[in-house]
Amino acid sequence: MFGPMFVKAVTVVFASALVAGAAGNAFADTPWERHHPRREQVNDRLENQSRRINHEYRGGELTHRQAHQLHRDDRGIRYEERRMARLDGGHITRADGYALNQQENAVSRMIGR
């Protein structure tokens, strides 16, 4: 149905798009993000949860007290992440990341109520 030149052209375009996408992602990360992916994941999630808390508070879905408590819980998780990293040379282990993720899941469920 399609000639060999068409297939080759489509293949080249597709491969170029993949390379460009991969290069764009590689340049988007800072050295810190590349060397501390678990910490970056935890911190990104905490930032997202903070935005969700603020959004729900402004929308009237959370009271001031509830929002304050949820922010306090997130600060505790951030403190725990930093403490864990201090004990492991600036990194967090897979088990540490799992434990922090479980704590974030608990806070996340409380935000959506």
PDB file of N, CA and C in Angstrom:
ATOM      1  N   MET A   1       0.828  -1.184   0.000  1.00  0.00           N
ATOM      2  CA  MET A   1       0.000   0.000   0.000  1.00  0.00           C
ATOM      3  C   MET A   1       0.877   1.254   0.000  1.00  0.00           C
ATOM      4  N   PHE A   2       1.848   1.349   0.918  1.00  0.00           N
ATOM      5  CA  PHE A   2       2.755   2.481   0.949  1.00  0.00           C
ATOM      6  C   PHE A   2       4.096   2.048   0.392  1.00  0.00           C
ATOM      7  N   GLY A   3       4.729   2.924  -0.340  1.00  0.00           N
ATOM      8  CA  GLY A   3       6.014   2.600  -0.929  1.00  0.00           C
ATOM      9  C   GLY A   3       7.133   2.645   0.100  1.00  0.00           C
ATOM     10  N   PRO A   4       8.286   2.075  -0.237  1.00  0.00           N
ATOM     11  CA  PRO A   4       9.412   2.033   0.701  1.00  0.00           C
ATOM     12  C   PRO A   4       9.916   3.420   1.072  1.00  0.00           C
ATOM     13  N   MET A   5       9.829   4.371   0.181  1.00  0.00           N
ATOM     14  CA  MET A   5      10.285   5.736   0.499  1.00  0.00           C
ATOM     15  C   MET A   5       9.380   6.368   1.567  1.00  0.00           C
ATOM     16  N   PHE A   6       8.077   6.123   1.470  1.00  0.00           N
ATOM     17  CA  PHE A   6       7.145   6.668   2.450  1.00  0.00           C
ATOM     18  C   PHE A   6       7.416   6.077   3.829  1.00  0.00           C
ATOM     19  N   VAL A   7       7.600   4.772   3.885  1.00  0.00           N
ATOM     20  CA  VAL A   7       7.861   4.093   5.155  1.00  0.00           C
ATOM     21  C   VAL A   7       9.165   4.609   5.766  1.00  0.00           C
ATOM     22  N   LYS A   8      10.186   4.784   4.921  1.00  0.00           N
ATOM     23  CA  LYS A   8      11.473   5.297   5.411  1.00  0.00           C
ATOM     24  C   LYS A   8      11.309   6.723   5.944  1.00  0.00           C
ATOM     25  N   ALA A   9      10.566   7.564   5.246  1.00  0.00           N
ATOM     26  CA  ALA A   9      10.359   8.948   5.679  1.00  0.00           C
ATOM     27  C   ALA A   9       9.612   8.986   7.013  1.00  0.00           C
ATOM     28  N   VAL A  10       8.580   8.168   7.138  1.00  0.00           N
ATOM     29  CA  VAL A  10       7.825   8.115   8.391  1.00  0.00           C
ATOM     30  C   VAL A  10       8.719   7.623   9.526  1.00  0.00           C
ATOM     31  N   THR A  11       9.555   6.641   9.255  1.00  0.00           N
ATOM     32  CA  THR A  11      10.467   6.113  10.272  1.00  0.00           C
ATOM     33  C   THR A  11      11.440   7.180  10.734  1.00  0.00           C
ATOM     34  N   VAL A  12      11.997   7.940   9.804  1.00  0.00           N
ATOM     35  CA  VAL A  12      12.949   9.007  10.150  1.00  0.00           C
ATOM     36  C   VAL A  12      12.263  10.082  10.983  1.00  0.00           C
ATOM     37  N   VAL A  13      11.073  10.476  10.596  1.00  0.00           N
ATOM     38  CA  VAL A  13      10.340  11.494  11.350  1.00  0.00           C
ATOM     39  C   VAL A  13      10.029  10.988  12.754  1.00  0.00           C
ATOM     40  N   PHE A  14       9.576   9.761  12.868  1.00  0.00           N
ATOM     41  CA  PHE A  14       9.248   9.188  14.169  1.00  0.00           C
ATOM     42  C   PHE A  14      10.489   9.098  15.056  1.00  0.00           C
ATOM     43  N   ALA A  15      11.605   8.628  14.512  1.00  0.00           N
ATOM     44  CA  ALA A  15      12.852   8.512  15.282  1.00  0.00           C
ATOM     45  C   ALA A  15      13.332   9.885  15.722  1.00  0.00           C
ATOM     46  N   SER A  16      13.227  10.884  14.852  1.00  0.00           N
ATOM     47  CA  SER A  16      13.639  12.248  15.210  1.00  0.00           C
ATOM     48  C   SER A  16      12.789  12.797  16.342  1.00  0.00           C
ATOM     49  N   ALA A  17      11.510  12.523  16.294  1.00  0.00           N
ATOM     50  CA  ALA A  17      10.613  12.992  17.355  1.00  0.00           C
ATOM     51  C   ALA A  17      10.964  12.340  18.680  1.00  0.00           C
ATOM     52  N   LEU A  18      11.295  11.052  18.659  1.00  0.00           N
ATOM     53  CA  LEU A  18      11.690  10.365  19.895  1.00  0.00           C
ATOM     54  C   LEU A  18      12.962  10.954  20.482  1.00  0.00           C
ATOM     55  N   VAL A  19      13.955  11.181  19.635  1.00  0.00           N
ATOM     56  CA  VAL A  19      15.224  11.741  20.099  1.00  0.00           C
ATOM     57  C   VAL A  19      15.009  13.149  20.653  1.00  0.00           C
ATOM     58  N   ALA A  20      14.231  13.958  19.960  1.00  0.00           N
ATOM     59  CA  ALA A  20      13.970  15.321  20.424  1.00  0.00           C
ATOM     60  C   ALA A  20      13.222  15.305  21.758  1.00  0.00           C
ATOM     61  N   GLY A  21      12.268  14.398  21.903  1.00  0.00           N
ATOM     62  CA  GLY A  21      11.526  14.303  23.167  1.00  0.00           C
ATOM     63  C   GLY A  21      12.410  13.868  24.306  1.00  0.00           C
ATOM     64  N   ALA A  22      13.270  12.898  24.063  1.00  0.00           N
ATOM     65  CA  ALA A  22      14.178  12.420  25.104  1.00  0.00           C
ATOM     66  C   ALA A  22      15.169  13.499  25.486  1.00  0.00           C
ATOM     67  N   ALA A  23      15.688  14.227  24.511  1.00  0.00           N
ATOM     68  CA  ALA A  23      16.647  15.296  24.804  1.00  0.00           C
ATOM     69  C   ALA A  23      15.963  16.418  25.579  1.00  0.00           C
ATOM     70  N   GLY A  24      14.725  16.724  25.234  1.00  0.00           N
ATOM     71  CA  GLY A  24      14.003  17.780  25.953  1.00  0.00           C
ATOM     72  C   GLY A  24      13.820  17.430  27.416  1.00  0.00           C
ATOM     73  N   ASN A  25      13.519  16.175  27.704  1.00  0.00           N
ATOM     74  CA  ASN A  25      13.358  15.747  29.093  1.00  0.00           C
ATOM     75  C   ASN A  25      14.681  15.765  29.832  1.00  0.00           C
ATOM     76  N   ALA A  26      15.756  15.376  29.162  1.00  0.00           N
ATOM     77  CA  ALA A  26      17.059  15.342  29.819  1.00  0.00           C
ATOM     78  C   ALA A  26      17.515  16.743  30.192  1.00  0.00           C
ATOM     79  N   PHE A  27      17.232  17.714  29.337  1.00  0.00           N
ATOM     80  CA  PHE A  27      17.670  19.068  29.625  1.00  0.00           C
ATOM     81  C   PHE A  27      16.761  19.774  30.627  1.00  0.00           C
ATOM     82  N   ALA A  28      15.553  19.261  30.813  1.00  0.00           N
ATOM     83  CA  ALA A  28      14.615  19.886  31.735  1.00  0.00           C
ATOM     84  C   ALA A  28      15.009  19.633  33.185  1.00  0.00           C
ATOM     85  N   ASP A  29      15.711  18.525  33.444  1.00  0.00           N
ATOM     86  CA  ASP A  29      16.098  18.182  34.806  1.00  0.00           C
ATOM     87  C   ASP A  29      17.357  18.932  35.208  1.00  0.00           C
ATOM     88  N   THR A  30      17.382  19.345  36.456  1.00  0.00           N
ATOM     89  CA  THR A  30      18.599  19.936  36.997  1.00  0.00           C
ATOM     90  C   THR A  30      19.509  18.805  37.465  1.00  0.00           C
ATOM     91  N   PRO A  31      20.784  19.082  37.690  1.00  0.00           N
ATOM     92  CA  PRO A  31      21.666  18.031  38.211  1.00  0.00           C
ATOM     93  C   PRO A  31      21.147  17.443  39.526  1.00  0.00           C
ATOM     94  N   TRP A  32      20.594  18.285  40.376  1.00  0.00           N
ATOM     95  CA  TRP A  32      20.065  17.797  41.649  1.00  0.00           C
ATOM     96  C   TRP A  32      18.938  16.806  41.404  1.00  0.00           C
ATOM     97  N   GLU A  33      18.052  17.131  40.469  1.00  0.00           N
ATOM     98  CA  GLU A  33      16.925  16.241  40.172  1.00  0.00           C
ATOM     99  C   GLU A  33      17.395  14.902  39.612  1.00  0.00           C
ATOM    100  N   ARG A  34      18.437  14.925  38.783  1.00  0.00           N
ATOM    101  CA  ARG A  34      18.959  13.681  38.218  1.00  0.00           C
ATOM    102  C   ARG A  34      19.646  12.822  39.276  1.00  0.00           C
ATOM    103  N   HIS A  35      20.283  13.449  40.269  1.00  0.00           N
ATOM    104  CA  HIS A  35      21.027  12.702  41.283  1.00  0.00           C
ATOM    105  C   HIS A  35      20.177  12.301  42.486  1.00  0.00           C
ATOM    106  N   HIS A  36      19.009  12.907  42.636  1.00  0.00           N
ATOM    107  CA  HIS A  36      18.139  12.634  43.778  1.00  0.00           C
ATOM    108  C   HIS A  36      16.697  12.406  43.313  1.00  0.00           C
ATOM    109  N   PRO A  37      16.466  11.405  42.463  1.00  0.00           N
ATOM    110  CA  PRO A  37      15.122  11.241  41.891  1.00  0.00           C
ATOM    111  C   PRO A  37      14.053  10.926  42.927  1.00  0.00           C
ATOM    112  N   ARG A  38      14.380  10.168  43.951  1.00  0.00           N
ATOM    113  CA  ARG A  38      13.363   9.854  44.968  1.00  0.00           C
ATOM    114  C   ARG A  38      12.995  11.094  45.764  1.00  0.00           C
ATOM    115  N   ARG A  39      13.994  11.879  46.131  1.00  0.00           N
ATOM    116  CA  ARG A  39      13.710  13.119  46.864  1.00  0.00           C
ATOM    117  C   ARG A  39      12.904  14.068  45.992  1.00  0.00           C
ATOM    118  N   GLU A  40      13.238  14.139  44.718  1.00  0.00           N
ATOM    119  CA  GLU A  40      12.516  15.008  43.791  1.00  0.00           C
ATOM    120  C   GLU A  40      11.056  14.579  43.687  1.00  0.00           C
ATOM    121  N   GLN A  41      10.813  13.282  43.624  1.00  0.00           N
ATOM    122  CA  GLN A  41       9.443  12.776  43.535  1.00  0.00           C
ATOM    123  C   GLN A  41       8.657  13.137  44.790  1.00  0.00           C
ATOM    124  N   VAL A  42       9.280  12.950  45.949  1.00  0.00           N
ATOM    125  CA  VAL A  42       8.613  13.267  47.217  1.00  0.00           C
ATOM    126  C   VAL A  42       8.312  14.764  47.282  1.00  0.00           C
ATOM    127  N   ASN A  43       9.295  15.598  46.955  1.00  0.00           N
ATOM    128  CA  ASN A  43       9.103  17.045  47.040  1.00  0.00           C
ATOM    129  C   ASN A  43       8.087  17.552  46.020  1.00  0.00           C
ATOM    130  N   ASP A  44       8.098  16.992  44.810  1.00  0.00           N
ATOM    131  CA  ASP A  44       7.089  17.389  43.812  1.00  0.00           C
ATOM    132  C   ASP A  44       5.689  17.048  44.296  1.00  0.00           C
ATOM    133  N   ARG A  45       5.566  15.895  44.910  1.00  0.00           N
ATOM    134  CA  ARG A  45       4.249  15.481  45.396  1.00  0.00           C
ATOM    135  C   ARG A  45       3.795  16.373  46.550  1.00  0.00           C
ATOM    136  N   LEU A  46       4.720  16.755  47.430  1.00  0.00           N
ATOM    137  CA  LEU A  46       4.361  17.652  48.523  1.00  0.00           C
ATOM    138  C   LEU A  46       3.914  19.017  47.994  1.00  0.00           C
ATOM    139  N   GLU A  47       4.590  19.512  46.964  1.00  0.00           N
ATOM    140  CA  GLU A  47       4.186  20.786  46.354  1.00  0.00           C
ATOM    141  C   GLU A  47       2.789  20.675  45.743  1.00  0.00           C
ATOM    142  N   ASN A  48       2.525  19.563  45.076  1.00  0.00           N
ATOM    143  CA  ASN A  48       1.211  19.353  44.476  1.00  0.00           C
ATOM    144  C   ASN A  48       0.127  19.295  45.557  1.00  0.00           C
ATOM    145  N   GLN A  49       0.412  18.593  46.642  1.00  0.00           N
ATOM    146  CA  GLN A  49      -0.573  18.506  47.722  1.00  0.00           C
ATOM    147  C   GLN A  49      -0.819  19.864  48.354  1.00  0.00           C
ATOM    148  N   SER A  50       0.215  20.668  48.473  1.00  0.00           N
ATOM    149  CA  SER A  50       0.047  22.006  49.024  1.00  0.00           C
ATOM    150  C   SER A  50      -0.875  22.839  48.130  1.00  0.00           C
ATOM    151  N   ARG A  51      -0.679  22.729  46.815  1.00  0.00           N
ATOM    152  CA  ARG A  51      -1.570  23.434  45.881  1.00  0.00           C
ATOM    153  C   ARG A  51      -3.004  22.945  46.017  1.00  0.00           C
ATOM    154  N   ARG A  52      -3.180  21.641  46.164  1.00  0.00           N
ATOM    155  CA  ARG A  52      -4.535  21.085  46.314  1.00  0.00           C
ATOM    156  C   ARG A  52      -5.195  21.592  47.591  1.00  0.00           C
ATOM    157  N   ILE A  53      -4.431  21.637  48.687  1.00  0.00           N
ATOM    158  CA  ILE A  53      -4.962  22.130  49.961  1.00  0.00           C
ATOM    159  C   ILE A  53      -5.415  23.576  49.797  1.00  0.00           C
ATOM    160  N   ASN A  54      -4.541  24.406  49.219  1.00  0.00           N
ATOM    161  CA  ASN A  54      -4.880  25.817  49.028  1.00  0.00           C
ATOM    162  C   ASN A  54      -6.099  25.987  48.135  1.00  0.00           C
ATOM    163  N   HIS A  55      -6.179  25.195  47.082  1.00  0.00           N
ATOM    164  CA  HIS A  55      -7.306  25.277  46.155  1.00  0.00           C
ATOM    165  C   HIS A  55      -8.619  24.909  46.859  1.00  0.00           C
ATOM    166  N   GLU A  56      -8.594  23.844  47.625  1.00  0.00           N
ATOM    167  CA  GLU A  56      -9.816  23.428  48.321  1.00  0.00           C
ATOM    168  C   GLU A  56     -10.186  24.394  49.436  1.00  0.00           C
ATOM    169  N   TYR A  57      -9.184  24.993  50.067  1.00  0.00           N
ATOM    170  CA  TYR A  57      -9.478  25.993  51.110  1.00  0.00           C
ATOM    171  C   TYR A  57     -10.145  27.212  50.474  1.00  0.00           C
ATOM    172  N   ARG A  58      -9.561  27.695  49.368  1.00  0.00           N
ATOM    173  CA  ARG A  58     -10.138  28.858  48.686  1.00  0.00           C
ATOM    174  C   ARG A  58     -11.524  28.544  48.132  1.00  0.00           C
ATOM    175  N   GLY A  59     -11.749  27.296  47.754  1.00  0.00           N
ATOM    176  CA  GLY A  59     -13.057  26.900  47.230  1.00  0.00           C
ATOM    177  C   GLY A  59     -14.089  26.604  48.308  1.00  0.00           C
ATOM    178  N   GLY A  60     -13.687  26.709  49.570  1.00  0.00           N
ATOM    179  CA  GLY A  60     -14.625  26.485  50.665  1.00  0.00           C
ATOM    180  C   GLY A  60     -14.834  25.024  51.024  1.00  0.00           C
ATOM    181  N   GLU A  61     -14.021  24.136  50.438  1.00  0.00           N
ATOM    182  CA  GLU A  61     -14.168  22.707  50.726  1.00  0.00           C
ATOM    183  C   GLU A  61     -13.441  22.306  52.004  1.00  0.00           C
ATOM    184  N   LEU A  62     -12.487  23.133  52.450  1.00  0.00           N
ATOM    185  CA  LEU A  62     -11.757  22.891  53.696  1.00  0.00           C
ATOM    186  C   LEU A  62     -11.888  24.112  54.587  1.00  0.00           C
ATOM    187  N   THR A  63     -11.989  23.879  55.879  1.00  0.00           N
ATOM    188  CA  THR A  63     -11.976  24.992  56.819  1.00  0.00           C
ATOM    189  C   THR A  63     -10.534  25.438  57.035  1.00  0.00           C
ATOM    190  N   HIS A  64     -10.368  26.577  57.671  1.00  0.00           N
ATOM    191  CA  HIS A  64      -9.029  27.077  57.979  1.00  0.00           C
ATOM    192  C   HIS A  64      -8.280  26.067  58.844  1.00  0.00           C
ATOM    193  N   ARG A  65      -8.947  25.525  59.816  1.00  0.00           N
ATOM    194  CA  ARG A  65      -8.330  24.550  60.717  1.00  0.00           C
ATOM    195  C   ARG A  65      -7.879  23.293  59.960  1.00  0.00           C
ATOM    196  N   GLN A  66      -8.742  22.796  59.067  1.00  0.00           N
ATOM    197  CA  GLN A  66      -8.386  21.604  58.294  1.00  0.00           C
ATOM    198  C   GLN A  66      -7.182  21.862  57.386  1.00  0.00           C
ATOM    199  N   ALA A  67      -7.200  23.010  56.711  1.00  0.00           N
ATOM    200  CA  ALA A  67      -6.087  23.351  55.823  1.00  0.00           C
ATOM    201  C   ALA A  67      -4.793  23.488  56.619  1.00  0.00           C
ATOM    202  N   HIS A  68      -4.877  24.126  57.768  1.00  0.00           N
ATOM    203  CA  HIS A  68      -3.696  24.300  58.621  1.00  0.00           C
ATOM    204  C   HIS A  68      -3.141  22.940  59.057  1.00  0.00           C
ATOM    205  N   GLN A  69      -4.012  22.031  59.443  1.00  0.00           N
ATOM    206  CA  GLN A  69      -3.568  20.704  59.881  1.00  0.00           C
ATOM    207  C   GLN A  69      -2.934  19.923  58.728  1.00  0.00           C
ATOM    208  N   LEU A  70      -3.519  20.011  57.551  1.00  0.00           N
ATOM    209  CA  LEU A  70      -2.964  19.307  56.396  1.00  0.00           C
ATOM    210  C   LEU A  70      -1.593  19.871  56.004  1.00  0.00           C
ATOM    211  N   HIS A  71      -1.457  21.196  56.051  1.00  0.00           N
ATOM    212  CA  HIS A  71      -0.143  21.804  55.786  1.00  0.00           C
ATOM    213  C   HIS A  71       0.869  21.365  56.848  1.00  0.00           C
ATOM    214  N   ARG A  72       0.433  21.259  58.084  1.00  0.00           N
ATOM    215  CA  ARG A  72       1.322  20.802  59.158  1.00  0.00           C
ATOM    216  C   ARG A  72       1.762  19.360  58.906  1.00  0.00           C
ATOM    217  N   ASP A  73       0.828  18.517  58.470  1.00  0.00           N
ATOM    218  CA  ASP A  73       1.179  17.132  58.142  1.00  0.00           C
ATOM    219  C   ASP A  73       2.200  17.083  57.011  1.00  0.00           C
ATOM    220  N   ASP A  74       2.011  17.912  55.984  1.00  0.00           N
ATOM    221  CA  ASP A  74       2.970  17.957  54.871  1.00  0.00           C
ATOM    222  C   ASP A  74       4.344  18.442  55.336  1.00  0.00           C
ATOM    223  N   ARG A  75       4.375  19.426  56.218  1.00  0.00           N
ATOM    224  CA  ARG A  75       5.669  19.897  56.752  1.00  0.00           C
ATOM    225  C   ARG A  75       6.368  18.778  57.514  1.00  0.00           C
ATOM    226  N   GLY A  76       5.596  17.979  58.235  1.00  0.00           N
ATOM    227  CA  GLY A  76       6.176  16.843  58.953  1.00  0.00           C
ATOM    228  C   GLY A  76       6.784  15.825  57.999  1.00  0.00           C
ATOM    229  N   ILE A  77       6.115  15.583  56.881  1.00  0.00           N
ATOM    230  CA  ILE A  77       6.651  14.655  55.880  1.00  0.00           C
ATOM    231  C   ILE A  77       7.926  15.230  55.276  1.00  0.00           C
ATOM    232  N   ARG A  78       7.935  16.519  54.980  1.00  0.00           N
ATOM    233  CA  ARG A  78       9.136  17.154  54.411  1.00  0.00           C
ATOM    234  C   ARG A  78      10.297  17.079  55.403  1.00  0.00           C
ATOM    235  N   TYR A  79      10.009  17.313  56.682  1.00  0.00           N
ATOM    236  CA  TYR A  79      11.043  17.204  57.716  1.00  0.00           C
ATOM    237  C   TYR A  79      11.581  15.777  57.776  1.00  0.00           C
ATOM    238  N   GLU A  80      10.686  14.800  57.701  1.00  0.00           N
ATOM    239  CA  GLU A  80      11.078  13.394  57.732  1.00  0.00           C
ATOM    240  C   GLU A  80      11.957  13.046  56.520  1.00  0.00           C
ATOM    241  N   GLU A  81      11.592  13.563  55.350  1.00  0.00           N
ATOM    242  CA  GLU A  81      12.381  13.332  54.131  1.00  0.00           C
ATOM    243  C   GLU A  81      13.795  13.883  54.301  1.00  0.00           C
ATOM    244  N   ARG A  82      13.904  15.072  54.841  1.00  0.00           N
ATOM    245  CA  ARG A  82      15.231  15.676  55.046  1.00  0.00           C
ATOM    246  C   ARG A  82      16.043  14.910  56.082  1.00  0.00           C
ATOM    247  N   ARG A  83      15.395  14.444  57.131  1.00  0.00           N
ATOM    248  CA  ARG A  83      16.082  13.672  58.162  1.00  0.00           C
ATOM    249  C   ARG A  83      16.592  12.350  57.584  1.00  0.00           C
ATOM    250  N   MET A  84      15.743  11.682  56.806  1.00  0.00           N
ATOM    251  CA  MET A  84      16.152  10.424  56.183  1.00  0.00           C
ATOM    252  C   MET A  84      17.344  10.644  55.243  1.00  0.00           C
ATOM    253  N   ALA A  85      17.288  11.718  54.471  1.00  0.00           N
ATOM    254  CA  ALA A  85      18.373  12.005  53.529  1.00  0.00           C
ATOM    255  C   ALA A  85      19.674  12.309  54.276  1.00  0.00           C
ATOM    256  N   ARG A  86      19.575  13.007  55.372  1.00  0.00           N
ATOM    257  CA  ARG A  86      20.768  13.330  56.167  1.00  0.00           C
ATOM    258  C   ARG A  86      21.457  12.058  56.653  1.00  0.00           C
ATOM    259  N   LEU A  87      20.666  11.043  56.954  1.00  0.00           N
ATOM    260  CA  LEU A  87      21.229   9.788  57.455  1.00  0.00           C
ATOM    261  C   LEU A  87      21.842   8.935  56.345  1.00  0.00           C
ATOM    262  N   ASP A  88      21.504   9.216  55.074  1.00  0.00           N
ATOM    263  CA  ASP A  88      21.995   8.409  53.958  1.00  0.00           C
ATOM    264  C   ASP A  88      22.782   9.232  52.945  1.00  0.00           C
ATOM    265  N   GLY A  89      23.561  10.169  53.413  1.00  0.00           N
ATOM    266  CA  GLY A  89      24.438  10.919  52.514  1.00  0.00           C
ATOM    267  C   GLY A  89      23.717  11.775  51.496  1.00  0.00           C
ATOM    268  N   GLY A  90      22.574  12.306  51.828  1.00  0.00           N
ATOM    269  CA  GLY A  90      21.836  13.177  50.927  1.00  0.00           C
ATOM    270  C   GLY A  90      20.794  12.474  50.082  1.00  0.00           C
ATOM    271  N   HIS A  91      20.752  11.167  50.133  1.00  0.00           N
ATOM    272  CA  HIS A  91      19.784  10.393  49.349  1.00  0.00           C
ATOM    273  C   HIS A  91      18.769   9.750  50.280  1.00  0.00           C
ATOM    274  N   ILE A  92      17.643   9.320  49.710  1.00  0.00           N
ATOM    275  CA  ILE A  92      16.717   8.500  50.480  1.00  0.00           C
ATOM    276  C   ILE A  92      16.677   7.130  49.825  1.00  0.00           C
ATOM    277  N   THR A  93      16.554   6.117  50.650  1.00  0.00           N
ATOM    278  CA  THR A  93      16.532   4.750  50.147  1.00  0.00           C
ATOM    279  C   THR A  93      15.167   4.433  49.555  1.00  0.00           C
ATOM    280  N   ARG A  94      15.080   3.304  48.888  1.00  0.00           N
ATOM    281  CA  ARG A  94      13.803   2.868  48.327  1.00  0.00           C
ATOM    282  C   ARG A  94      12.777   2.672  49.446  1.00  0.00           C
ATOM    283  N   ALA A  95      13.214   2.104  50.567  1.00  0.00           N
ATOM    284  CA  ALA A  95      12.303   1.895  51.705  1.00  0.00           C
ATOM    285  C   ALA A  95      11.848   3.234  52.283  1.00  0.00           C
ATOM    286  N   ASP A  96      12.769   4.198  52.369  1.00  0.00           N
ATOM    287  CA  ASP A  96      12.404   5.535  52.841  1.00  0.00           C
ATOM    288  C   ASP A  96      11.363   6.158  51.918  1.00  0.00           C
ATOM    289  N   GLY A  97      11.600   6.051  50.611  1.00  0.00           N
ATOM    290  CA  GLY A  97      10.658   6.601  49.637  1.00  0.00           C
ATOM    291  C   GLY A  97       9.291   5.960  49.766  1.00  0.00           C
ATOM    292  N   TYR A  98       9.270   4.648  50.004  1.00  0.00           N
ATOM    293  CA  TYR A  98       7.996   3.942  50.176  1.00  0.00           C
ATOM    294  C   TYR A  98       7.267   4.459  51.415  1.00  0.00           C
ATOM    295  N   ALA A  99       7.996   4.602  52.521  1.00  0.00           N
ATOM    296  CA  ALA A  99       7.378   5.081  53.761  1.00  0.00           C
ATOM    297  C   ALA A  99       6.832   6.500  53.593  1.00  0.00           C
ATOM    298  N   LEU A 100       7.600   7.358  52.942  1.00  0.00           N
ATOM    299  CA  LEU A 100       7.142   8.736  52.717  1.00  0.00           C
ATOM    300  C   LEU A 100       5.924   8.753  51.791  1.00  0.00           C
ATOM    301  N   ASN A 101       5.931   7.886  50.796  1.00  0.00           N
ATOM    302  CA  ASN A 101       4.806   7.811  49.875  1.00  0.00           C
ATOM    303  C   ASN A 101       3.534   7.386  50.604  1.00  0.00           C
ATOM    304  N   GLN A 102       3.661   6.453  51.534  1.00  0.00           N
ATOM    305  CA  GLN A 102       2.495   6.024  52.311  1.00  0.00           C
ATOM    306  C   GLN A 102       1.950   7.181  53.149  1.00  0.00           C
ATOM    307  N   GLN A 103       2.843   7.966  53.743  1.00  0.00           N
ATOM    308  CA  GLN A 103       2.411   9.125  54.530  1.00  0.00           C
ATOM    309  C   GLN A 103       1.712  10.145  53.626  1.00  0.00           C
ATOM    310  N   GLU A 104       2.273  10.371  52.435  1.00  0.00           N
ATOM    311  CA  GLU A 104       1.649  11.310  51.502  1.00  0.00           C
ATOM    312  C   GLU A 104       0.282  10.806  51.037  1.00  0.00           C
ATOM    313  N   ASN A 105       0.153   9.490  50.861  1.00  0.00           N
ATOM    314  CA  ASN A 105      -1.145   8.927  50.484  1.00  0.00           C
ATOM    315  C   ASN A 105      -2.200   9.227  51.543  1.00  0.00           C
ATOM    316  N   ALA A 106      -1.821   9.110  52.810  1.00  0.00           N
ATOM    317  CA  ALA A 106      -2.770   9.377  53.898  1.00  0.00           C
ATOM    318  C   ALA A 106      -3.226  10.831  53.867  1.00  0.00           C
ATOM    319  N   VAL A 107      -2.294  11.757  53.682  1.00  0.00           N
ATOM    320  CA  VAL A 107      -2.651  13.177  53.620  1.00  0.00           C
ATOM    321  C   VAL A 107      -3.495  13.442  52.374  1.00  0.00           C
ATOM    322  N   SER A 108      -3.127  12.819  51.258  1.00  0.00           N
ATOM    323  CA  SER A 108      -3.865  13.038  50.014  1.00  0.00           C
ATOM    324  C   SER A 108      -5.316  12.606  50.156  1.00  0.00           C
ATOM    325  N   ARG A 109      -5.545  11.497  50.833  1.00  0.00           N
ATOM    326  CA  ARG A 109      -6.936  11.035  51.043  1.00  0.00           C
ATOM    327  C   ARG A 109      -7.716  12.035  51.898  1.00  0.00           C
ATOM    328  N   MET A 110      -7.036  12.679  52.826  1.00  0.00           N
ATOM    329  CA  MET A 110      -7.722  13.648  53.683  1.00  0.00           C
ATOM    330  C   MET A 110      -8.054  14.931  52.920  1.00  0.00           C
ATOM    331  N   ILE A 111      -7.258  15.263  51.904  1.00  0.00           N
ATOM    332  CA  ILE A 111      -7.513  16.468  51.112  1.00  0.00           C
ATOM    333  C   ILE A 111      -8.793  16.299  50.304  1.00  0.00           C
ATOM    334  N   GLY A 112      -8.989  15.143  49.739  1.00  0.00           N
ATOM    335  CA  GLY A 112     -10.128  14.923  48.843  1.00  0.00           C
ATOM    336  C   GLY A 112     -11.451  14.686  49.531  1.00  0.00           C
ATOM    337  N   ARG A 113     -11.515  14.742  50.825  1.00  0.00           N
ATOM    338  CA  ARG A 113     -12.786  14.453  51.519  1.00  0.00           C
ATOM    339  C   ARG A 113     -13.778  15.555  51.393  1.00  0.00           C
TER     340      ARG A 113
END
